[in-house]
Amino acid sequence: MKSVCATLRAWAVELQEAVDSRQRLEAQKTENLGVQKEFAKLKDDETIYKLIGPVLLKQEKAEAESTVNGRLEFIGKEISRLEKQIQDTQVSLERKKAEIIQIQAAAQAGPPPGKQAVKA
């Protein structure tokens, strides 16, 4: 019973970590979509700067757009992967909960027939 409960707790922690990661990725996705919209407003000859450490470096619009699009693609794939992981973990948690309920019900029912304590 203890090992089943320990497994349940571990999966609950895993689920929470996956949900937290998904939320961070959603925030990054929103930020990158905002950048993408700003790029759409810019003319092709306007200057874009990229912050690298304490330095601003000039960057071509096509290169900047490509970088943001690549990030959005990566973030989308990671979100899909995490959603599958979350779903799988939830299914596993439900199965373990059902297993715990069965163990508790069996313990409350007492010993199975034919294995009753012998009175002296």
PDB file of N, CA and C in Angstrom:
ATOM      1  N   MET A   1       0.834  -1.199   0.000  1.00  0.00           N
ATOM      2  CA  MET A   1       0.000   0.000   0.000  1.00  0.00           C
ATOM      3  C   MET A   1       0.874   1.257   0.000  1.00  0.00           C
ATOM      4  N   LYS A   2       1.976   1.207   0.790  1.00  0.00           N
ATOM      5  CA  LYS A   2       2.845   2.377   0.862  1.00  0.00           C
ATOM      6  C   LYS A   2       3.489   2.673  -0.486  1.00  0.00           C
ATOM      7  N   SER A   3       3.881   1.615  -1.197  1.00  0.00           N
ATOM      8  CA  SER A   3       4.526   1.835  -2.498  1.00  0.00           C
ATOM      9  C   SER A   3       3.534   2.416  -3.510  1.00  0.00           C
ATOM     10  N   VAL A   4       2.285   1.994  -3.420  1.00  0.00           N
ATOM     11  CA  VAL A   4       1.256   2.523  -4.322  1.00  0.00           C
ATOM     12  C   VAL A   4       1.037   4.010  -4.035  1.00  0.00           C
ATOM     13  N   CYS A   5       0.991   4.364  -2.760  1.00  0.00           N
ATOM     14  CA  CYS A   5       0.810   5.771  -2.379  1.00  0.00           C
ATOM     15  C   CYS A   5       2.022   6.610  -2.790  1.00  0.00           C
ATOM     16  N   ALA A   6       3.218   6.047  -2.643  1.00  0.00           N
ATOM     17  CA  ALA A   6       4.434   6.765  -3.042  1.00  0.00           C
ATOM     18  C   ALA A   6       4.432   7.015  -4.551  1.00  0.00           C
ATOM     19  N   THR A   7       4.012   6.017  -5.311  1.00  0.00           N
ATOM     20  CA  THR A   7       3.922   6.169  -6.761  1.00  0.00           C
ATOM     21  C   THR A   7       2.905   7.249  -7.113  1.00  0.00           C
ATOM     22  N   LEU A   8       1.782   7.241  -6.419  1.00  0.00           N
ATOM     23  CA  LEU A   8       0.738   8.235  -6.654  1.00  0.00           C
ATOM     24  C   LEU A   8       1.267   9.645  -6.398  1.00  0.00           C
ATOM     25  N   ARG A   9       1.987   9.818  -5.291  1.00  0.00           N
ATOM     26  CA  ARG A   9       2.556  11.131  -4.971  1.00  0.00           C
ATOM     27  C   ARG A   9       3.580  11.564  -6.031  1.00  0.00           C
ATOM     28  N   ALA A  10       4.410  10.629  -6.470  1.00  0.00           N
ATOM     29  CA  ALA A  10       5.424  10.952  -7.486  1.00  0.00           C
ATOM     30  C   ALA A  10       4.761  11.396  -8.782  1.00  0.00           C
ATOM     31  N   TRP A  11       3.709  10.718  -9.174  1.00  0.00           N
ATOM     32  CA  TRP A  11       2.999  11.092 -10.400  1.00  0.00           C
ATOM     33  C   TRP A  11       2.302  12.439 -10.243  1.00  0.00           C
ATOM     34  N   ALA A  12       1.805  12.720  -9.043  1.00  0.00           N
ATOM     35  CA  ALA A  12       1.162  14.015  -8.806  1.00  0.00           C
ATOM     36  C   ALA A  12       2.188  15.147  -8.948  1.00  0.00           C
ATOM     37  N   VAL A  13       3.400  14.923  -8.441  1.00  0.00           N
ATOM     38  CA  VAL A  13       4.468  15.916  -8.577  1.00  0.00           C
ATOM     39  C   VAL A  13       4.835  16.079 -10.052  1.00  0.00           C
ATOM     40  N   GLU A  14       4.959  14.967 -10.767  1.00  0.00           N
ATOM     41  CA  GLU A  14       5.279  14.998 -12.199  1.00  0.00           C
ATOM     42  C   GLU A  14       4.209  15.769 -12.974  1.00  0.00           C
ATOM     43  N   LEU A  15       2.955  15.536 -12.620  1.00  0.00           N
ATOM     44  CA  LEU A  15       1.849  16.230 -13.278  1.00  0.00           C
ATOM     45  C   LEU A  15       1.942  17.733 -13.043  1.00  0.00           C
ATOM     46  N   GLN A  16       2.206  18.131 -11.801  1.00  0.00           N
ATOM     47  CA  GLN A  16       2.298  19.554 -11.482  1.00  0.00           C
ATOM     48  C   GLN A  16       3.454  20.215 -12.227  1.00  0.00           C
ATOM     49  N   GLU A  17       4.589  19.521 -12.309  1.00  0.00           N
ATOM     50  CA  GLU A  17       5.738  20.072 -13.035  1.00  0.00           C
ATOM     51  C   GLU A  17       5.415  20.245 -14.522  1.00  0.00           C
ATOM     52  N   ALA A  18       4.721  19.278 -15.097  1.00  0.00           N
ATOM     53  CA  ALA A  18       4.347  19.360 -16.513  1.00  0.00           C
ATOM     54  C   ALA A  18       3.380  20.520 -16.747  1.00  0.00           C
ATOM     55  N   VAL A  19       2.431  20.700 -15.839  1.00  0.00           N
ATOM     56  CA  VAL A  19       1.466  21.802 -15.956  1.00  0.00           C
ATOM     57  C   VAL A  19       2.195  23.148 -15.843  1.00  0.00           C
ATOM     58  N   ASP A  20       3.143  23.244 -14.898  1.00  0.00           N
ATOM     59  CA  ASP A  20       3.917  24.484 -14.744  1.00  0.00           C
ATOM     60  C   ASP A  20       4.722  24.785 -16.011  1.00  0.00           C
ATOM     61  N   SER A  21       5.347  23.760 -16.572  1.00  0.00           N
ATOM     62  CA  SER A  21       6.128  23.935 -17.803  1.00  0.00           C
ATOM     63  C   SER A  21       5.235  24.394 -18.948  1.00  0.00           C
ATOM     64  N   ARG A  22       4.057  23.804 -19.035  1.00  0.00           N
ATOM     65  CA  ARG A  22       3.120  24.183 -20.096  1.00  0.00           C
ATOM     66  C   ARG A  22       2.711  25.646 -19.951  1.00  0.00           C
ATOM     67  N   GLN A  23       2.480  26.089 -18.718  1.00  0.00           N
ATOM     68  CA  GLN A  23       2.096  27.485 -18.486  1.00  0.00           C
ATOM     69  C   GLN A  23       3.216  28.443 -18.897  1.00  0.00           C
ATOM     70  N   ARG A  24       4.470  28.074 -18.585  1.00  0.00           N
ATOM     71  CA  ARG A  24       5.603  28.909 -18.995  1.00  0.00           C
ATOM     72  C   ARG A  24       5.686  28.990 -20.518  1.00  0.00           C
ATOM     73  N   LEU A  25       5.484  27.846 -21.179  1.00  0.00           N
ATOM     74  CA  LEU A  25       5.532  27.832 -22.640  1.00  0.00           C
ATOM     75  C   LEU A  25       4.407  28.665 -23.248  1.00  0.00           C
ATOM     76  N   GLU A  26       3.232  28.621 -22.642  1.00  0.00           N
ATOM     77  CA  GLU A  26       2.116  29.439 -23.135  1.00  0.00           C
ATOM     78  C   GLU A  26       2.453  30.922 -23.030  1.00  0.00           C
ATOM     79  N   ALA A  27       3.112  31.320 -21.930  1.00  0.00           N
ATOM     80  CA  ALA A  27       3.519  32.718 -21.769  1.00  0.00           C
ATOM     81  C   ALA A  27       4.539  33.100 -22.843  1.00  0.00           C
ATOM     82  N   GLN A  28       5.496  32.205 -23.111  1.00  0.00           N
ATOM     83  CA  GLN A  28       6.490  32.467 -24.155  1.00  0.00           C
ATOM     84  C   GLN A  28       5.833  32.549 -25.531  1.00  0.00           C
ATOM     85  N   LYS A  29       4.846  31.691 -25.753  1.00  0.00           N
ATOM     86  CA  LYS A  29       4.136  31.697 -27.033  1.00  0.00           C
ATOM     87  C   LYS A  29       3.419  33.033 -27.227  1.00  0.00           C
ATOM     88  N   THR A  30       2.744  33.493 -26.188  1.00  0.00           N
ATOM     89  CA  THR A  30       2.029  34.769 -26.255  1.00  0.00           C
ATOM     90  C   THR A  30       2.998  35.914 -26.542  1.00  0.00           C
ATOM     91  N   GLU A  31       4.137  35.903 -25.869  1.00  0.00           N
ATOM     92  CA  GLU A  31       5.143  36.945 -26.078  1.00  0.00           C
ATOM     93  C   GLU A  31       5.663  36.921 -27.519  1.00  0.00           C
ATOM     94  N   ASN A  32       5.957  35.746 -28.031  1.00  0.00           N
ATOM     95  CA  ASN A  32       6.470  35.630 -29.400  1.00  0.00           C
ATOM     96  C   ASN A  32       5.415  35.989 -30.444  1.00  0.00           C
ATOM     97  N   LEU A  33       4.148  35.681 -30.163  1.00  0.00           N
ATOM     98  CA  LEU A  33       3.079  36.090 -31.078  1.00  0.00           C
ATOM     99  C   LEU A  33       2.974  37.611 -31.127  1.00  0.00           C
ATOM    100  N   GLY A  34       3.185  38.257 -29.979  1.00  0.00           N
ATOM    101  CA  GLY A  34       3.192  39.718 -29.935  1.00  0.00           C
ATOM    102  C   GLY A  34       4.336  40.294 -30.765  1.00  0.00           C
ATOM    103  N   VAL A  35       5.503  39.676 -30.661  1.00  0.00           N
ATOM    104  CA  VAL A  35       6.656  40.110 -31.458  1.00  0.00           C
ATOM    105  C   VAL A  35       6.356  39.919 -32.942  1.00  0.00           C
ATOM    106  N   GLN A  36       5.748  38.797 -33.274  1.00  0.00           N
ATOM    107  CA  GLN A  36       5.404  38.502 -34.671  1.00  0.00           C
ATOM    108  C   GLN A  36       4.448  39.572 -35.228  1.00  0.00           C
ATOM    109  N   LYS A  37       3.474  39.986 -34.411  1.00  0.00           N
ATOM    110  CA  LYS A  37       2.534  41.031 -34.846  1.00  0.00           C
ATOM    111  C   LYS A  37       3.250  42.364 -35.053  1.00  0.00           C
ATOM    112  N   GLU A  38       4.202  42.668 -34.169  1.00  0.00           N
ATOM    113  CA  GLU A  38       4.970  43.907 -34.315  1.00  0.00           C
ATOM    114  C   GLU A  38       5.811  43.873 -35.586  1.00  0.00           C
ATOM    115  N   PHE A  39       6.394  42.725 -35.894  1.00  0.00           N
ATOM    116  CA  PHE A  39       7.177  42.591 -37.129  1.00  0.00           C
ATOM    117  C   PHE A  39       6.298  42.818 -38.355  1.00  0.00           C
ATOM    118  N   ALA A  40       5.059  42.375 -38.301  1.00  0.00           N
ATOM    119  CA  ALA A  40       4.149  42.533 -39.439  1.00  0.00           C
ATOM    120  C   ALA A  40       3.867  44.014 -39.718  1.00  0.00           C
ATOM    121  N   LYS A  41       3.942  44.843 -38.681  1.00  0.00           N
ATOM    122  CA  LYS A  41       3.689  46.278 -38.842  1.00  0.00           C
ATOM    123  C   LYS A  41       4.887  47.016 -39.446  1.00  0.00           C
ATOM    124  N   LEU A  42       6.069  46.414 -39.340  1.00  0.00           N
ATOM    125  CA  LEU A  42       7.289  47.080 -39.799  1.00  0.00           C
ATOM    126  C   LEU A  42       7.439  47.024 -41.314  1.00  0.00           C
ATOM    127  N   LYS A  43       8.061  48.059 -41.849  1.00  0.00           N
ATOM    128  CA  LYS A  43       8.410  48.056 -43.273  1.00  0.00           C
ATOM    129  C   LYS A  43       9.693  47.246 -43.433  1.00  0.00           C
ATOM    130  N   ASP A  44       9.927  46.767 -44.641  1.00  0.00           N
ATOM    131  CA  ASP A  44      11.093  45.920 -44.885  1.00  0.00           C
ATOM    132  C   ASP A  44      12.423  46.631 -44.647  1.00  0.00           C
ATOM    133  N   ASP A  45      12.455  47.944 -44.813  1.00  0.00           N
ATOM    134  CA  ASP A  45      13.720  48.665 -44.668  1.00  0.00           C
ATOM    135  C   ASP A  45      13.964  49.193 -43.249  1.00  0.00           C
ATOM    136  N   GLU A  46      13.053  48.934 -42.324  1.00  0.00           N
ATOM    137  CA  GLU A  46      13.234  49.418 -40.956  1.00  0.00           C
ATOM    138  C   GLU A  46      14.253  48.546 -40.222  1.00  0.00           C
ATOM    139  N   THR A  47      14.910  49.168 -39.260  1.00  0.00           N
ATOM    140  CA  THR A  47      15.982  48.498 -38.533  1.00  0.00           C
ATOM    141  C   THR A  47      15.430  47.759 -37.318  1.00  0.00           C
ATOM    142  N   ILE A  48      15.939  46.555 -37.130  1.00  0.00           N
ATOM    143  CA  ILE A  48      15.582  45.741 -35.964  1.00  0.00           C
ATOM    144  C   ILE A  48      16.871  45.491 -35.192  1.00  0.00           C
ATOM    145  N   TYR A  49      16.775  45.613 -33.877  1.00  0.00           N
ATOM    146  CA  TYR A  49      17.934  45.346 -33.028  1.00  0.00           C
ATOM    147  C   TYR A  49      17.622  44.162 -32.123  1.00  0.00           C
ATOM    148  N   LYS A  50      18.660  43.369 -31.893  1.00  0.00           N
ATOM    149  CA  LYS A  50      18.531  42.199 -31.029  1.00  0.00           C
ATOM    150  C   LYS A  50      19.423  42.431 -29.817  1.00  0.00           C
ATOM    151  N   LEU A  51      18.862  42.231 -28.630  1.00  0.00           N
ATOM    152  CA  LEU A  51      19.613  42.417 -27.395  1.00  0.00           C
ATOM    153  C   LEU A  51      20.358  41.130 -27.063  1.00  0.00           C
ATOM    154  N   ILE A  52      21.674  41.215 -27.043  1.00  0.00           N
ATOM    155  CA  ILE A  52      22.508  40.073 -26.660  1.00  0.00           C
ATOM    156  C   ILE A  52      23.379  40.547 -25.508  1.00  0.00           C
ATOM    157  N   GLY A  53      23.037  40.106 -24.302  1.00  0.00           N
ATOM    158  CA  GLY A  53      23.733  40.602 -23.119  1.00  0.00           C
ATOM    159  C   GLY A  53      23.464  42.091 -22.988  1.00  0.00           C
ATOM    160  N   PRO A  54      24.524  42.898 -22.801  1.00  0.00           N
ATOM    161  CA  PRO A  54      24.331  44.345 -22.674  1.00  0.00           C
ATOM    162  C   PRO A  54      24.416  45.089 -24.013  1.00  0.00           C
ATOM    163  N   VAL A  55      24.500  44.340 -25.122  1.00  0.00           N
ATOM    164  CA  VAL A  55      24.739  44.952 -26.429  1.00  0.00           C
ATOM    165  C   VAL A  55      23.531  44.781 -27.344  1.00  0.00           C
ATOM    166  N   LEU A  56      23.206  45.845 -28.090  1.00  0.00           N
ATOM    167  CA  LEU A  56      22.174  45.775 -29.125  1.00  0.00           C
ATOM    168  C   LEU A  56      22.862  45.568 -30.466  1.00  0.00           C
ATOM    169  N   LEU A  57      22.491  44.508 -31.167  1.00  0.00           N
ATOM    170  CA  LEU A  57      23.061  44.212 -32.477  1.00  0.00           C
ATOM    171  C   LEU A  57      21.996  44.366 -33.545  1.00  0.00           C
ATOM    172  N   LYS A  58      22.402  44.940 -34.671  1.00  0.00           N
ATOM    173  CA  LYS A  58      21.496  45.114 -35.798  1.00  0.00           C
ATOM    174  C   LYS A  58      21.179  43.741 -36.388  1.00  0.00           C
ATOM    175  N   GLN A  59      19.915  43.562 -36.794  1.00  0.00           N
ATOM    176  CA  GLN A  59      19.497  42.281 -37.358  1.00  0.00           C
ATOM    177  C   GLN A  59      18.566  42.539 -38.540  1.00  0.00           C
ATOM    178  N   GLU A  60      18.690  41.728 -39.557  1.00  0.00           N
ATOM    179  CA  GLU A  60      17.812  41.835 -40.721  1.00  0.00           C
ATOM    180  C   GLU A  60      16.403  41.397 -40.330  1.00  0.00           C
ATOM    181  N   LYS A  61      15.413  42.032 -40.937  1.00  0.00           N
ATOM    182  CA  LYS A  61      14.016  41.703 -40.620  1.00  0.00           C
ATOM    183  C   LYS A  61      13.711  40.244 -40.938  1.00  0.00           C
ATOM    184  N   ALA A  62      14.167  39.753 -42.073  1.00  0.00           N
ATOM    185  CA  ALA A  62      13.892  38.361 -42.460  1.00  0.00           C
ATOM    186  C   ALA A  62      14.499  37.386 -41.456  1.00  0.00           C
ATOM    187  N   GLU A  63      15.715  37.697 -40.985  1.00  0.00           N
ATOM    188  CA  GLU A  63      16.374  36.832 -40.008  1.00  0.00           C
ATOM    189  C   GLU A  63      15.619  36.848 -38.676  1.00  0.00           C
ATOM    190  N   ALA A  64      15.191  38.032 -38.249  1.00  0.00           N
ATOM    191  CA  ALA A  64      14.448  38.159 -36.992  1.00  0.00           C
ATOM    192  C   ALA A  64      13.113  37.422 -37.079  1.00  0.00           C
ATOM    193  N   GLU A  65      12.421  37.583 -38.210  1.00  0.00           N
ATOM    194  CA  GLU A  65      11.144  36.879 -38.394  1.00  0.00           C
ATOM    195  C   GLU A  65      11.354  35.371 -38.395  1.00  0.00           C
ATOM    196  N   SER A  66      12.409  34.926 -39.047  1.00  0.00           N
ATOM    197  CA  SER A  66      12.712  33.497 -39.099  1.00  0.00           C
ATOM    198  C   SER A  66      12.979  32.946 -37.698  1.00  0.00           C
ATOM    199  N   THR A  67      13.704  33.710 -36.902  1.00  0.00           N
ATOM    200  CA  THR A  67      14.005  33.294 -35.529  1.00  0.00           C
ATOM    201  C   THR A  67      12.723  33.163 -34.712  1.00  0.00           C
ATOM    202  N   VAL A  68      11.859  34.161 -34.802  1.00  0.00           N
ATOM    203  CA  VAL A  68      10.601  34.138 -34.044  1.00  0.00           C
ATOM    204  C   VAL A  68       9.704  32.996 -34.524  1.00  0.00           C
ATOM    205  N   ASN A  69       9.616  32.802 -35.840  1.00  0.00           N
ATOM    206  CA  ASN A  69       8.800  31.702 -36.368  1.00  0.00           C
ATOM    207  C   ASN A  69       9.338  30.348 -35.912  1.00  0.00           C
ATOM    208  N   GLY A  70      10.653  30.205 -35.898  1.00  0.00           N
ATOM    209  CA  GLY A  70      11.267  28.966 -35.413  1.00  0.00           C
ATOM    210  C   GLY A  70      10.957  28.726 -33.948  1.00  0.00           C
ATOM    211  N   ARG A  71      11.037  29.806 -33.155  1.00  0.00           N
ATOM    212  CA  ARG A  71      10.704  29.691 -31.729  1.00  0.00           C
ATOM    213  C   ARG A  71       9.256  29.268 -31.542  1.00  0.00           C
ATOM    214  N   LEU A  72       8.358  29.886 -32.299  1.00  0.00           N
ATOM    215  CA  LEU A  72       6.933  29.547 -32.186  1.00  0.00           C
ATOM    216  C   LEU A  72       6.678  28.089 -32.565  1.00  0.00           C
ATOM    217  N   GLU A  73       7.367  27.617 -33.587  1.00  0.00           N
ATOM    218  CA  GLU A  73       7.217  26.216 -34.001  1.00  0.00           C
ATOM    219  C   GLU A  73       7.704  25.283 -32.892  1.00  0.00           C
ATOM    220  N   PHE A  74       8.869  25.590 -32.323  1.00  0.00           N
ATOM    221  CA  PHE A  74       9.421  24.777 -31.240  1.00  0.00           C
ATOM    222  C   PHE A  74       8.490  24.781 -30.027  1.00  0.00           C
ATOM    223  N   ILE A  75       8.013  25.962 -29.656  1.00  0.00           N
ATOM    224  CA  ILE A  75       7.119  26.082 -28.501  1.00  0.00           C
ATOM    225  C   ILE A  75       5.842  25.283 -28.736  1.00  0.00           C
ATOM    226  N   GLY A  76       5.292  25.347 -29.943  1.00  0.00           N
ATOM    227  CA  GLY A  76       4.083  24.580 -30.266  1.00  0.00           C
ATOM    228  C   GLY A  76       4.299  23.085 -30.106  1.00  0.00           C
ATOM    229  N   LYS A  77       5.451  22.590 -30.566  1.00  0.00           N
ATOM    230  CA  LYS A  77       5.756  21.159 -30.428  1.00  0.00           C
ATOM    231  C   LYS A  77       5.920  20.771 -28.962  1.00  0.00           C
ATOM    232  N   GLU A  78       6.580  21.629 -28.194  1.00  0.00           N
ATOM    233  CA  GLU A  78       6.770  21.346 -26.770  1.00  0.00           C
ATOM    234  C   GLU A  78       5.434  21.342 -26.023  1.00  0.00           C
ATOM    235  N   ILE A  79       4.553  22.263 -26.369  1.00  0.00           N
ATOM    236  CA  ILE A  79       3.230  22.302 -25.737  1.00  0.00           C
ATOM    237  C   ILE A  79       2.471  21.017 -26.055  1.00  0.00           C
ATOM    238  N   SER A  80       2.522  20.568 -27.299  1.00  0.00           N
ATOM    239  CA  SER A  80       1.848  19.317 -27.683  1.00  0.00           C
ATOM    240  C   SER A  80       2.413  18.134 -26.911  1.00  0.00           C
ATOM    241  N   ARG A  81       3.746  18.094 -26.785  1.00  0.00           N
ATOM    242  CA  ARG A  81       4.396  16.998 -26.051  1.00  0.00           C
ATOM    243  C   ARG A  81       3.966  17.012 -24.580  1.00  0.00           C
ATOM    244  N   LEU A  82       3.945  18.202 -23.989  1.00  0.00           N
ATOM    245  CA  LEU A  82       3.552  18.311 -22.585  1.00  0.00           C
ATOM    246  C   LEU A  82       2.080  17.969 -22.376  1.00  0.00           C
ATOM    247  N   GLU A  83       1.222  18.354 -23.322  1.00  0.00           N
ATOM    248  CA  GLU A  83      -0.198  18.012 -23.196  1.00  0.00           C
ATOM    249  C   GLU A  83      -0.392  16.497 -23.201  1.00  0.00           C
ATOM    250  N   LYS A  84       0.361  15.797 -24.045  1.00  0.00           N
ATOM    251  CA  LYS A  84       0.280  14.332 -24.072  1.00  0.00           C
ATOM    252  C   LYS A  84       0.798  13.762 -22.758  1.00  0.00           C
ATOM    253  N   GLN A  85       1.907  14.311 -22.262  1.00  0.00           N
ATOM    254  CA  GLN A  85       2.465  13.850 -20.991  1.00  0.00           C
ATOM    255  C   GLN A  85       1.473  14.086 -19.853  1.00  0.00           C
ATOM    256  N   ILE A  86       0.832  15.239 -19.846  1.00  0.00           N
ATOM    257  CA  ILE A  86      -0.158  15.554 -18.812  1.00  0.00           C
ATOM    258  C   ILE A  86      -1.318  14.569 -18.887  1.00  0.00           C
ATOM    259  N   GLN A  87      -1.798  14.320 -20.096  1.00  0.00           N
ATOM    260  CA  GLN A  87      -2.917  13.391 -20.275  1.00  0.00           C
ATOM    261  C   GLN A  87      -2.534  11.981 -19.813  1.00  0.00           C
ATOM    262  N   ASP A  88      -1.357  11.505 -20.197  1.00  0.00           N
ATOM    263  CA  ASP A  88      -0.906  10.172 -19.795  1.00  0.00           C
ATOM    264  C   ASP A  88      -0.756  10.070 -18.280  1.00  0.00           C
ATOM    265  N   THR A  89      -0.210  11.113 -17.670  1.00  0.00           N
ATOM    266  CA  THR A  89      -0.026  11.116 -16.218  1.00  0.00           C
ATOM    267  C   THR A  89      -1.373  11.128 -15.506  1.00  0.00           C
ATOM    268  N   GLN A  90      -2.338  11.878 -16.033  1.00  0.00           N
ATOM    269  CA  GLN A  90      -3.669  11.902 -15.419  1.00  0.00           C
ATOM    270  C   GLN A  90      -4.323  10.523 -15.484  1.00  0.00           C
ATOM    271  N   VAL A  91      -4.167   9.830 -16.606  1.00  0.00           N
ATOM    272  CA  VAL A  91      -4.724   8.479 -16.743  1.00  0.00           C
ATOM    273  C   VAL A  91      -4.069   7.551 -15.724  1.00  0.00           C
ATOM    274  N   SER A  92      -2.747   7.639 -15.597  1.00  0.00           N
ATOM    275  CA  SER A  92      -2.028   6.801 -14.636  1.00  0.00           C
ATOM    276  C   SER A  92      -2.470   7.098 -13.208  1.00  0.00           C
ATOM    277  N   LEU A  93      -2.652   8.374 -12.905  1.00  0.00           N
ATOM    278  CA  LEU A  93      -3.116   8.759 -11.566  1.00  0.00           C
ATOM    279  C   LEU A  93      -4.492   8.174 -11.267  1.00  0.00           C
ATOM    280  N   GLU A  94      -5.386   8.243 -12.226  1.00  0.00           N
ATOM    281  CA  GLU A  94      -6.731   7.696 -12.020  1.00  0.00           C
ATOM    282  C   GLU A  94      -6.678   6.187 -11.778  1.00  0.00           C
ATOM    283  N   ARG A  95      -5.819   5.499 -12.512  1.00  0.00           N
ATOM    284  CA  ARG A  95      -5.683   4.048 -12.312  1.00  0.00           C
ATOM    285  C   ARG A  95      -5.144   3.736 -10.922  1.00  0.00           C
ATOM    286  N   LYS A  96      -4.137   4.498 -10.484  1.00  0.00           N
ATOM    287  CA  LYS A  96      -3.566   4.268  -9.149  1.00  0.00           C
ATOM    288  C   LYS A  96      -4.597   4.576  -8.070  1.00  0.00           C
ATOM    289  N   LYS A  97      -5.387   5.622  -8.265  1.00  0.00           N
ATOM    290  CA  LYS A  97      -6.428   5.948  -7.286  1.00  0.00           C
ATOM    291  C   LYS A  97      -7.431   4.808  -7.185  1.00  0.00           C
ATOM    292  N   ALA A  98      -7.813   4.241  -8.324  1.00  0.00           N
ATOM    293  CA  ALA A  98      -8.743   3.109  -8.319  1.00  0.00           C
ATOM    294  C   ALA A  98      -8.116   1.917  -7.608  1.00  0.00           C
ATOM    295  N   GLU A  99      -6.823   1.706  -7.834  1.00  0.00           N
ATOM    296  CA  GLU A  99      -6.116   0.603  -7.168  1.00  0.00           C
ATOM    297  C   GLU A  99      -6.099   0.807  -5.653  1.00  0.00           C
ATOM    298  N   ILE A 100      -5.876   2.030  -5.216  1.00  0.00           N
ATOM    299  CA  ILE A 100      -5.876   2.333  -3.777  1.00  0.00           C
ATOM    300  C   ILE A 100      -7.255   2.093  -3.187  1.00  0.00           C
ATOM    301  N   ILE A 101      -8.291   2.505  -3.903  1.00  0.00           N
ATOM    302  CA  ILE A 101      -9.663   2.295  -3.420  1.00  0.00           C
ATOM    303  C   ILE A 101      -9.946   0.806  -3.273  1.00  0.00           C
ATOM    304  N   GLN A 102      -9.501   0.000  -4.237  1.00  0.00           N
ATOM    305  CA  GLN A 102      -9.704  -1.452  -4.152  1.00  0.00           C
ATOM    306  C   GLN A 102      -8.952  -2.042  -2.964  1.00  0.00           C
ATOM    307  N   ILE A 103      -7.730  -1.598  -2.735  1.00  0.00           N
ATOM    308  CA  ILE A 103      -6.939  -2.100  -1.603  1.00  0.00           C
ATOM    309  C   ILE A 103      -7.613  -1.729  -0.292  1.00  0.00           C
ATOM    310  N   GLN A 104      -8.096  -0.490  -0.192  1.00  0.00           N
ATOM    311  CA  GLN A 104      -8.773  -0.051   1.032  1.00  0.00           C
ATOM    312  C   GLN A 104     -10.066  -0.829   1.253  1.00  0.00           C
ATOM    313  N   ALA A 105     -10.818  -1.057   0.187  1.00  0.00           N
ATOM    314  CA  ALA A 105     -12.071  -1.811   0.312  1.00  0.00           C
ATOM    315  C   ALA A 105     -11.788  -3.239   0.750  1.00  0.00           C
ATOM    316  N   ALA A 106     -10.747  -3.841   0.203  1.00  0.00           N
ATOM    317  CA  ALA A 106     -10.387  -5.211   0.584  1.00  0.00           C
ATOM    318  C   ALA A 106      -9.936  -5.261   2.037  1.00  0.00           C
ATOM    319  N   ALA A 107      -9.225  -4.259   2.486  1.00  0.00           N
ATOM    320  CA  ALA A 107      -8.755  -4.222   3.870  1.00  0.00           C
ATOM    321  C   ALA A 107      -9.921  -4.040   4.833  1.00  0.00           C
ATOM    322  N   GLN A 108     -10.909  -3.252   4.453  1.00  0.00           N
ATOM    323  CA  GLN A 108     -12.061  -3.022   5.315  1.00  0.00           C
ATOM    324  C   GLN A 108     -12.987  -4.228   5.354  1.00  0.00           C
ATOM    325  N   ALA A 109     -13.002  -5.001   4.283  1.00  0.00           N
ATOM    326  CA  ALA A 109     -13.880  -6.170   4.223  1.00  0.00           C
ATOM    327  C   ALA A 109     -13.386  -7.281   5.132  1.00  0.00           C
ATOM    328  N   GLY A 110     -12.128  -7.239   5.492  1.00  0.00           N
ATOM    329  CA  GLY A 110     -11.584  -8.275   6.366  1.00  0.00           C
ATOM    330  C   GLY A 110     -10.939  -9.371   5.553  1.00  0.00           C
ATOM    331  N   PRO A 111     -10.510 -10.446   6.227  1.00  0.00           N
ATOM    332  CA  PRO A 111      -9.835 -11.533   5.519  1.00  0.00           C
ATOM    333  C   PRO A 111     -10.800 -12.255   4.582  1.00  0.00           C
ATOM    334  N   PRO A 112     -10.287 -12.797   3.486  1.00  0.00           N
ATOM    335  CA  PRO A 112     -11.144 -13.519   2.548  1.00  0.00           C
ATOM    336  C   PRO A 112     -11.707 -14.782   3.193  1.00  0.00           C
ATOM    337  N   PRO A 113     -12.851 -15.287   2.691  1.00  0.00           N
ATOM    338  CA  PRO A 113     -13.453 -16.492   3.263  1.00  0.00           C
ATOM    339  C   PRO A 113     -12.465 -17.658   3.219  1.00  0.00           C
ATOM    340  N   GLY A 114     -12.495 -18.460   4.282  1.00  0.00           N
ATOM    341  CA  GLY A 114     -11.611 -19.613   4.362  1.00  0.00           C
ATOM    342  C   GLY A 114     -10.302 -19.274   5.045  1.00  0.00           C
ATOM    343  N   LYS A 115     -10.062 -18.018   5.301  1.00  0.00           N
ATOM    344  CA  LYS A 115      -8.827 -17.609   5.966  1.00  0.00           C
ATOM    345  C   LYS A 115      -9.162 -16.853   7.246  1.00  0.00           C
ATOM    346  N   GLN A 116     -10.248 -17.221   7.860  1.00  0.00           N
ATOM    347  CA  GLN A 116     -10.646 -16.548   9.080  1.00  0.00           C
ATOM    348  C   GLN A 116      -9.785 -17.045  10.230  1.00  0.00           C
ATOM    349  N   ALA A 117      -9.635 -16.195  11.209  1.00  0.00           N
ATOM    350  CA  ALA A 117      -8.803 -16.535  12.364  1.00  0.00           C
ATOM    351  C   ALA A 117      -9.401 -17.720  13.108  1.00  0.00           C
ATOM    352  N   VAL A 118      -8.538 -18.588  13.575  1.00  0.00           N
ATOM    353  CA  VAL A 118      -8.959 -19.777  14.323  1.00  0.00           C
ATOM    354  C   VAL A 118      -9.061 -19.401  15.789  1.00  0.00           C
ATOM    355  N   LYS A 119     -10.213 -19.749  16.422  1.00  0.00           N
ATOM    356  CA  LYS A 119     -10.402 -19.440  17.836  1.00  0.00           C
ATOM    357  C   LYS A 119      -9.852 -20.595  18.657  1.00  0.00           C
ATOM    358  N   ALA A 120      -9.133 -20.261  19.697  1.00  0.00           N
ATOM    359  CA  ALA A 120      -8.551 -21.309  20.536  1.00  0.00           C
ATOM    360  C   ALA A 120      -9.443 -21.651  21.680  1.00  0.00           C
TER     361      ALA A 120
END
